[in-house]
Structure formats: C-alpha cells, structure tokens
C-alpha cells in the first residue's frame, strides 16, 4: 500500500469486531501484525485508539496505515470460477428474485439445504459460488426439508441476514405450502394445535405428538384449507405453519389422519393401500408462497412454481390452479 487510507464502515458491517473487519478486507494481514498496528496507534477509528475487539458502526472511518499486504482482490480467486461453475449455474436456474440484499430460490425436491450424514451436495455449500468481493457468502435465514420443494430465502449480506432472521423469529412472515394428502379432512379448513417432541431414530430425527409439559416438547400450530379434492381419496391442501417446528406440517397432516403422499417418515398406509398409478412416490409438499419484510423496507411477496413431480400429479387428477385463489 502506497500511503495512509481511510475507509468507511458500511451499513452491513454494524457491530462487527474490528479484527473481523480486517480479516474480510485484508485477509493477508496476520493477527500479530494487526495487534502491533493497534498498539502503536497506527490503526484508528474516528481518530481514536481502538482494540481488536472494538465493535464498529456504519459511517465510522477506519485509518489504514501503509502495510505490506493489499486489500482483498476484487477479481475471482484463482480456480474459483471453474470449481464452482456448476453450483453457480444450478443456483441461477433456481432464482425467483434477486436484489442487492435478498435472493429467493425455488429449491428442487431432493436437494438438501444444509449438510448432514450422507449429504454431499447442499444449498449452503453451493452458496460459496456466490461469495462476494469482500469474502461474504450469502446466508441461509430459514430451512426446508430435503424432500420439500419451493421458496427458500437467502440473505446476501450480514445485515440483511440479521433482519430477515428476526422477521422469522418474530413471525412477521406469512408462509403458504401446497400439499396432497391421503383422504379428505372432515372440515374444509381448520387449525391444528399440538405439542411436538423430537426423537432420534435409525432413520434420523422424527417428531411425535407429545403432551403439554413433556420434557423437550414445543407447541406447534398449523392451519389448513382444502382447495380441491379427487373424490374421497385425495385432497389438495393449502397449509400455513404459524410456528416453525421440524417436520411440522408433515406430522400435523398425519396427526389428523391425512398424511402427505410420499412422506417416508409419517405416511403409514393400510397394508392393502396402493400408491396411485402415474403418481411418483415422492413427498408432495411444496413451499408455494412467502411474504416477508424486505431489509430495506416494504415487503417481498414471492410465489414458486410447483415441482415437476407435483405438476405431474396435479395434471393426472385434473386439479385447476385457478381454484387456489392466488394473485399470480
């Protein structure tokens, strides 16, 4: 670096530790060298001496002394484009919405959101292909089950992630799912309220209905309405989870006696029951729509097209999507 520079802290760096800020902007600067510059007062924030654990705020000015390391390169890291080109291409095909703060994907069924036992490819890892020039990878702010398709919201920046995560935590979001269930619920629409507890099984985590006060049990509330039905054999439901428990909609559908088709954990059919011809034995649950506050103000309202195996089923049963009452 030729001389002294002054850089302003950006809005998405609110509350970031100073040593973290330098790691992002000057990855070649070792911790020991950073400490030396801080102790000698060569690095300052708004003209004052600071420590490595100082939290920075937007608009503050950081004094950068001459150093033997350069700022983070703005060009692609050698080999990155080739290594991540397949992930970037696949992610690009999933995009429903994209702006400076938020990306909304239509996650395909069968692709995991995060890593786990036996999972070699997942969204969280793939997002490394979209790491920005400051070394920030887009962040997940909520989850979908591996076999559930549909709307998945991703934050581009640290600040956006904080706001979006808070919106989910404070339930300032509206999420609607489409499902196909066995049989037809007696009530055209209803509220399902239970307590759920997670159990470890040889096939992974499984939720079961629990009693109020049972150790580890969480309250779970869902709503549903019937959109259309195929005789008395199947029903197309719109489902809304008020809470966000693991497998909530799946276990709630099974709880009322109408499990979601293709659910490997909660669909217990009669021994003589046969899967319908022409319908794929895959989970028929799709995150159809989300309405969420945008980090920059206003709201973001996004709808995801049905996954191919559900389109096949809808066509087979002659379901009419205009009956869903949506504003497409």
Protein backbone atom coordinates (compact mmCIF):
# COMPACT_ATOMS: atom_id res chain seq x y z
CA UNK A 1 0.00 0.00 0.00
CA UNK A 2 1.41 3.36 -1.01
CA UNK A 3 0.20 5.51 1.88
CA UNK A 4 -2.41 6.09 4.55
CA UNK A 5 -6.00 5.33 3.56
CA UNK A 6 -9.31 5.98 5.26
CA UNK A 7 -12.24 3.59 4.79
CA UNK A 8 -15.81 3.98 5.99
CA UNK A 9 -17.65 1.18 7.75
CA UNK A 10 -20.63 0.05 5.66
CA UNK A 11 -24.17 -0.48 6.89
CA UNK A 12 -23.94 -4.27 6.68
CA UNK A 13 -20.90 -4.26 8.98
CA UNK A 14 -22.84 -2.98 12.00
CA UNK A 15 -21.48 -4.42 15.23
CA UNK A 16 -18.64 -6.31 13.54
CA UNK A 17 -15.44 -6.76 15.57
CA UNK A 18 -12.53 -4.77 14.22
CA UNK A 19 -10.33 -7.85 13.83
CA UNK A 20 -13.11 -9.49 11.80
CA UNK A 21 -13.39 -6.34 9.67
CA UNK A 22 -9.66 -6.54 8.87
CA UNK A 23 -9.89 -10.27 8.15
CA UNK A 24 -12.53 -9.55 5.50
CA UNK A 25 -10.83 -6.51 3.95
CA UNK A 26 -7.17 -7.51 4.45
CA UNK A 27 -7.03 -11.32 4.69
CA UNK A 28 -3.24 -11.25 4.27
CA UNK A 29 -2.74 -9.29 7.50
CA UNK A 30 -1.90 -11.67 10.35
CA UNK A 31 -3.36 -11.26 13.82
CA UNK A 32 0.04 -10.45 15.35
CA UNK A 33 0.71 -7.73 12.80
CA UNK A 34 -2.77 -6.30 13.38
CA UNK A 35 -2.16 -6.19 17.14
CA UNK A 36 1.13 -4.37 16.64
CA UNK A 37 -0.53 -1.72 14.46
CA UNK A 38 -3.29 -1.27 17.02
CA UNK A 39 -0.93 -1.00 19.99
CA UNK A 40 1.16 1.64 18.20
CA UNK A 41 -1.97 3.64 17.34
CA UNK A 42 -1.43 3.38 13.60
CA UNK A 43 -4.92 1.96 13.16
CA UNK A 44 -7.60 4.27 14.49
CA UNK A 45 -11.39 4.55 14.31
CA UNK A 46 -12.75 8.10 14.02
CA UNK A 47 -9.34 9.29 15.14
CA UNK A 48 -9.31 7.31 18.39
CA UNK A 49 -7.26 4.34 19.53
CA UNK A 50 -9.07 1.02 19.49
CA UNK A 51 -8.60 -2.66 20.29
CA UNK A 52 -9.14 -5.77 18.18
CA UNK A 53 -12.49 -6.50 19.88
CA UNK A 54 -13.87 -2.99 19.27
CA UNK A 55 -17.26 -3.12 17.54
CA UNK A 56 -17.57 -0.87 14.51
CA UNK A 57 -20.62 1.09 13.41
CA UNK A 58 -21.79 2.36 10.00
CA UNK A 59 -20.20 5.63 8.91
CA UNK A 60 -17.17 5.33 11.17
CA UNK A 61 -13.83 5.98 9.48
CA UNK A 62 -11.01 3.48 9.88
CA UNK A 63 -7.47 4.75 9.41
CA UNK A 64 -5.41 2.24 7.41
CA UNK A 65 -1.62 2.77 7.69
CA UNK A 66 0.86 1.70 4.99
CA UNK A 67 1.07 -2.11 5.09
CA UNK A 68 2.83 -4.81 3.13
CA UNK A 69 -0.45 -6.52 2.34
CA UNK A 70 -3.05 -5.41 -0.17
CA UNK A 71 -6.76 -5.18 0.25
CA UNK A 72 -8.79 -8.20 -0.77
CA UNK A 73 -8.62 -8.70 -4.51
CA UNK A 74 -11.75 -7.85 -6.43
CA UNK A 75 -11.10 -10.37 -9.16
CA UNK A 76 -12.05 -14.05 -8.88
CA UNK A 77 -9.84 -16.22 -6.72
CA UNK A 78 -7.74 -18.49 -8.92
CA UNK A 79 -9.69 -21.63 -9.75
CA UNK A 80 -12.88 -20.44 -8.03
CA UNK A 81 -14.86 -19.90 -11.23
CA UNK A 82 -14.01 -23.37 -12.51
CA UNK A 83 -14.54 -25.08 -9.16
CA UNK A 84 -17.95 -23.51 -8.51
CA UNK A 85 -19.23 -23.03 -12.06
CA UNK A 86 -21.65 -25.97 -11.81
CA UNK A 87 -23.05 -24.76 -8.48
CA UNK A 88 -23.44 -21.19 -9.74
CA UNK A 89 -25.27 -22.39 -12.84
CA UNK A 90 -27.66 -24.59 -10.85
CA UNK A 91 -28.35 -21.84 -8.31
CA UNK A 92 -29.02 -19.35 -11.12
CA UNK A 93 -31.71 -21.65 -12.53
CA UNK A 94 -33.43 -21.64 -9.12
CA UNK A 95 -33.62 -17.84 -8.72
CA UNK A 96 -37.12 -16.37 -8.33
CA UNK A 97 -36.00 -12.96 -7.06
CA UNK A 98 -32.66 -11.22 -6.68
CA UNK A 99 -31.61 -7.79 -5.44
CA UNK A 100 -28.70 -6.27 -3.51
CA UNK A 101 -29.87 -7.71 -0.17
CA UNK A 102 -32.04 -10.77 -0.85
CA UNK A 103 -32.09 -13.83 -3.08
CA UNK A 104 -35.15 -16.08 -3.24
CA UNK A 105 -34.72 -19.57 -4.67
CA UNK A 106 -37.14 -22.26 -5.81
CA UNK A 107 -35.42 -25.22 -4.17
CA UNK A 108 -35.93 -28.51 -6.01
CA UNK A 109 -37.16 -31.56 -4.12
CA UNK A 110 -34.33 -33.87 -3.08
CA UNK A 111 -31.67 -31.17 -2.66
CA UNK A 112 -30.67 -30.64 0.98
CA UNK A 113 -30.46 -27.13 2.40
CA UNK A 114 -27.60 -27.97 4.77
CA UNK A 115 -25.07 -30.75 5.20
CA UNK A 116 -25.60 -33.86 7.27
CA UNK A 117 -24.97 -37.56 7.35
CA UNK A 118 -24.56 -38.85 3.79
CA UNK A 119 -25.17 -35.40 2.27
CA UNK A 120 -22.50 -34.43 -0.25
CA UNK A 121 -24.22 -31.53 -2.02
CA UNK A 122 -26.40 -28.92 -0.38
CA UNK A 123 -27.52 -25.31 -0.83
CA UNK A 124 -25.36 -23.90 1.97
CA UNK A 125 -22.20 -25.29 0.39
CA UNK A 126 -23.27 -24.29 -3.12
CA UNK A 127 -23.70 -20.67 -2.00
CA UNK A 128 -19.90 -20.41 -1.81
CA UNK A 129 -20.10 -19.92 -5.58
CA UNK A 130 -21.73 -16.55 -4.89
CA UNK A 131 -19.16 -15.29 -2.38
CA UNK A 132 -18.80 -11.55 -2.95
CA UNK A 133 -15.66 -9.43 -3.33
CA UNK A 134 -15.45 -8.94 0.44
CA UNK A 135 -15.42 -12.67 1.05
CA UNK A 136 -19.06 -12.82 2.25
CA UNK A 137 -21.05 -15.90 1.31
CA UNK A 138 -24.86 -15.50 1.10
CA UNK A 139 -26.52 -16.71 4.31
CA UNK A 140 -29.45 -19.03 4.88
CA UNK A 141 -32.15 -17.47 7.06
CA UNK A 142 -34.58 -20.41 7.25
CA UNK A 143 -34.79 -24.06 6.19
CA UNK A 144 -36.79 -26.52 4.12
CA UNK A 145 -36.75 -30.29 4.49
CA UNK A 146 -34.65 -32.06 1.89
CA UNK A 147 -37.65 -33.52 0.04
CA UNK A 148 -39.74 -30.34 0.28
CA UNK A 149 -39.54 -28.05 -2.75
CA UNK A 150 -40.23 -24.36 -3.06
CA UNK A 151 -39.44 -20.91 -1.71
CA UNK A 152 -36.13 -20.54 0.12
CA UNK A 153 -34.94 -17.09 1.24
CA UNK A 154 -31.22 -16.26 1.33
CA UNK A 155 -29.57 -13.07 2.59
CA UNK A 156 -26.78 -11.54 0.52
CA UNK A 157 -25.25 -9.61 3.43
CA UNK A 158 -24.72 -9.89 7.17
CA UNK A 159 -27.09 -7.02 7.94
CA UNK A 160 -29.83 -8.43 5.72
CA UNK A 161 -29.46 -11.81 7.40
CA UNK A 162 -29.99 -10.26 10.83
CA UNK A 163 -33.19 -8.51 9.74
CA UNK A 164 -34.62 -11.50 7.87
CA UNK A 165 -33.82 -13.90 10.70
CA UNK A 166 -35.56 -11.54 13.13
CA UNK A 167 -38.64 -11.49 10.86
CA UNK A 168 -38.87 -15.29 11.02
CA UNK A 169 -38.24 -15.34 14.77
CA UNK A 170 -40.88 -12.68 15.41
CA UNK A 171 -43.32 -14.39 13.00
CA UNK A 172 -43.57 -11.33 10.79
CA UNK A 173 -43.74 -13.64 7.79
CA UNK A 174 -46.53 -15.49 6.03
CA UNK A 175 -45.64 -18.87 4.52
CA UNK A 176 -48.07 -20.95 2.47
CA UNK A 177 -47.49 -24.55 1.38
CA UNK A 178 -49.32 -26.82 -1.02
CA UNK A 179 -49.67 -30.49 -0.24
CA UNK A 180 -51.52 -33.56 -1.44
CA UNK A 181 -52.87 -35.73 1.35
CA UNK A 182 -54.48 -39.15 1.56
CA UNK A 183 -58.23 -38.90 2.08
CA UNK A 184 -60.24 -35.73 2.65
CA UNK A 185 -60.33 -33.93 6.01
CA UNK A 186 -63.81 -33.66 7.53
CA UNK A 187 -63.50 -29.90 7.98
CA UNK A 188 -62.90 -27.76 4.92
CA UNK A 189 -60.50 -25.63 6.95
CA UNK A 190 -59.16 -25.91 10.46
CA UNK A 191 -56.45 -25.16 12.99
CA UNK A 192 -54.14 -27.92 14.23
CA UNK A 193 -52.56 -27.32 17.63
CA UNK A 194 -50.31 -29.90 19.30
CA UNK A 195 -47.11 -30.33 21.25
CA UNK A 196 -44.21 -31.92 19.38
CA UNK A 197 -41.04 -33.57 20.63
CA UNK A 198 -38.03 -34.65 18.58
CA UNK A 199 -36.77 -38.22 18.81
CA UNK A 200 -33.65 -39.85 17.41
CA UNK A 201 -34.33 -42.89 15.22
CA UNK A 202 -32.13 -45.08 12.96
CA UNK A 203 -33.60 -43.11 10.03
CA UNK A 204 -32.79 -39.72 11.53
CA UNK A 205 -34.82 -37.21 13.51
CA UNK A 206 -38.54 -37.86 13.83
CA UNK A 207 -41.20 -35.75 15.51
CA UNK A 208 -44.02 -37.21 17.57
CA UNK A 209 -47.09 -35.75 19.22
CA UNK A 210 -46.36 -35.06 22.88
CA UNK A 211 -48.24 -33.99 25.98
CA UNK A 212 -48.16 -30.47 27.33
CA UNK A 213 -45.32 -30.23 29.81
CA UNK A 214 -43.41 -33.20 28.43
CA UNK A 215 -39.66 -32.69 28.52
CA UNK A 216 -38.41 -31.14 25.27
CA UNK A 217 -41.89 -30.61 23.82
CA UNK A 218 -42.65 -27.46 21.79
CA UNK A 219 -46.05 -26.03 20.91
CA UNK A 220 -46.86 -26.22 17.19
CA UNK A 221 -49.75 -24.55 15.38
CA UNK A 222 -50.74 -25.02 11.73
CA UNK A 223 -53.71 -24.02 9.60
CA UNK A 224 -55.08 -25.71 6.50
CA UNK A 225 -57.85 -25.35 3.95
CA UNK A 226 -59.00 -27.70 1.22
CA UNK A 227 -58.53 -26.22 -2.24
CA UNK A 228 -59.71 -29.20 -4.28
CA UNK A 229 -60.20 -32.93 -3.92
CA UNK A 230 -60.13 -36.07 -6.04
CA UNK A 231 -63.24 -37.88 -4.89
CA UNK A 232 -62.79 -39.01 -1.30
CA UNK A 233 -59.33 -40.38 -2.00
CA UNK A 234 -57.09 -37.32 -2.04
CA UNK A 235 -57.17 -33.63 -1.11
CA UNK A 236 -55.10 -30.70 -2.23
CA UNK A 237 -54.44 -28.57 0.83
CA UNK A 238 -53.09 -25.12 1.38
CA UNK A 239 -51.19 -25.27 4.67
CA UNK A 240 -49.80 -22.46 6.80
CA UNK A 241 -47.37 -23.08 9.67
CA UNK A 242 -47.82 -20.46 12.38
CA UNK A 243 -44.88 -21.88 14.30
CA UNK A 244 -41.78 -23.31 12.65
CA UNK A 245 -41.07 -26.72 14.16
CA UNK A 246 -39.17 -29.52 12.44
CA UNK A 247 -41.45 -31.51 10.06
CA UNK A 248 -44.40 -29.58 11.49
CA UNK A 249 -46.78 -29.73 8.51
CA UNK A 250 -45.89 -33.34 7.79
CA UNK A 251 -46.56 -34.58 11.31
CA UNK A 252 -49.68 -32.44 11.64
CA UNK A 253 -51.15 -33.85 8.44
CA UNK A 254 -50.53 -37.37 9.73
CA UNK A 255 -51.96 -36.41 13.13
CA UNK A 256 -55.38 -35.55 11.64
CA UNK A 257 -55.37 -38.85 9.73
CA UNK A 258 -54.44 -37.44 6.33
CA UNK A 259 -50.71 -37.92 5.77
CA UNK A 260 -48.93 -36.23 2.88
CA UNK A 261 -48.34 -38.51 -0.11
CA UNK A 262 -44.80 -39.77 -0.48
CA UNK A 263 -43.76 -38.88 3.06
CA UNK A 264 -41.16 -41.50 4.05
CA UNK A 265 -41.45 -40.75 7.78
CA UNK A 266 -45.12 -40.09 8.52
CA UNK A 267 -47.14 -41.83 5.80
CA UNK A 268 -48.41 -45.10 7.28
CA UNK A 269 -50.87 -46.54 4.80
CA UNK A 270 -53.01 -49.63 5.17
CA UNK A 271 -51.30 -52.82 4.04
CA UNK A 272 -53.67 -53.12 1.07
CA UNK A 273 -53.27 -49.49 0.02
CA UNK A 274 -51.52 -48.97 -3.31
CA UNK A 275 -49.80 -45.81 -4.48
CA UNK A 276 -51.81 -44.26 -7.37
CA UNK A 277 -50.62 -45.16 -10.84
CA UNK A 278 -48.87 -42.28 -12.59
CA UNK A 279 -48.07 -40.55 -9.29
CA UNK A 280 -44.45 -40.56 -8.20
CA UNK A 281 -43.73 -41.86 -4.71
CA UNK A 282 -42.12 -38.58 -3.60
CA UNK A 283 -43.09 -36.09 -0.93
CA UNK A 284 -45.95 -33.93 -2.18
CA UNK A 285 -45.18 -30.83 -0.12
CA UNK A 286 -44.21 -27.52 -1.72
CA UNK A 287 -43.38 -24.14 -0.15
CA UNK A 288 -45.63 -22.20 -2.50
CA UNK A 289 -45.54 -18.61 -1.27
CA UNK A 290 -43.81 -16.30 1.19
CA UNK A 291 -44.49 -12.74 2.29
CA UNK A 292 -41.66 -11.22 4.33
CA UNK A 293 -40.37 -7.74 5.24
CA UNK A 294 -37.55 -6.61 2.97
CA UNK A 295 -34.41 -5.45 4.84
CA UNK A 296 -34.60 -2.08 3.04
CA UNK A 297 -38.30 -1.56 3.78
CA UNK A 298 -41.57 -2.70 2.28
CA UNK A 299 -42.42 -6.33 1.84
CA UNK A 300 -41.30 -9.08 -0.50
CA UNK A 301 -44.02 -11.40 -1.83
CA UNK A 302 -42.80 -14.39 -3.86
CA UNK A 303 -44.56 -17.45 -5.35
CA UNK A 304 -42.72 -20.59 -6.51
CA UNK A 305 -43.94 -22.78 -9.38
CA UNK A 306 -44.75 -26.37 -8.44
CA UNK A 307 -42.04 -29.00 -8.66
CA UNK A 308 -42.22 -31.34 -11.70
CA UNK A 309 -43.45 -34.42 -9.82
CA UNK A 310 -46.30 -32.42 -8.27
CA UNK A 311 -47.20 -30.87 -11.64
CA UNK A 312 -47.48 -34.43 -12.97
CA UNK A 313 -49.84 -35.36 -10.13
CA UNK A 314 -51.93 -32.20 -10.47
CA UNK A 315 -52.35 -32.88 -14.19
CA UNK A 316 -53.27 -36.52 -13.54
CA UNK A 317 -56.00 -35.53 -11.06
CA UNK A 318 -57.16 -32.61 -13.19
CA UNK A 319 -56.62 -30.05 -10.46
CA UNK A 320 -57.26 -26.48 -11.59
CA UNK A 321 -54.75 -23.99 -10.16
CA UNK A 322 -57.18 -21.13 -10.70
CA UNK A 323 -59.12 -22.62 -7.76
CA UNK A 324 -56.28 -21.75 -5.39
CA UNK A 325 -57.44 -18.16 -5.06
CA UNK A 326 -53.95 -16.73 -5.59
CA UNK A 327 -52.91 -13.49 -7.21
CA UNK A 328 -50.45 -14.85 -9.75
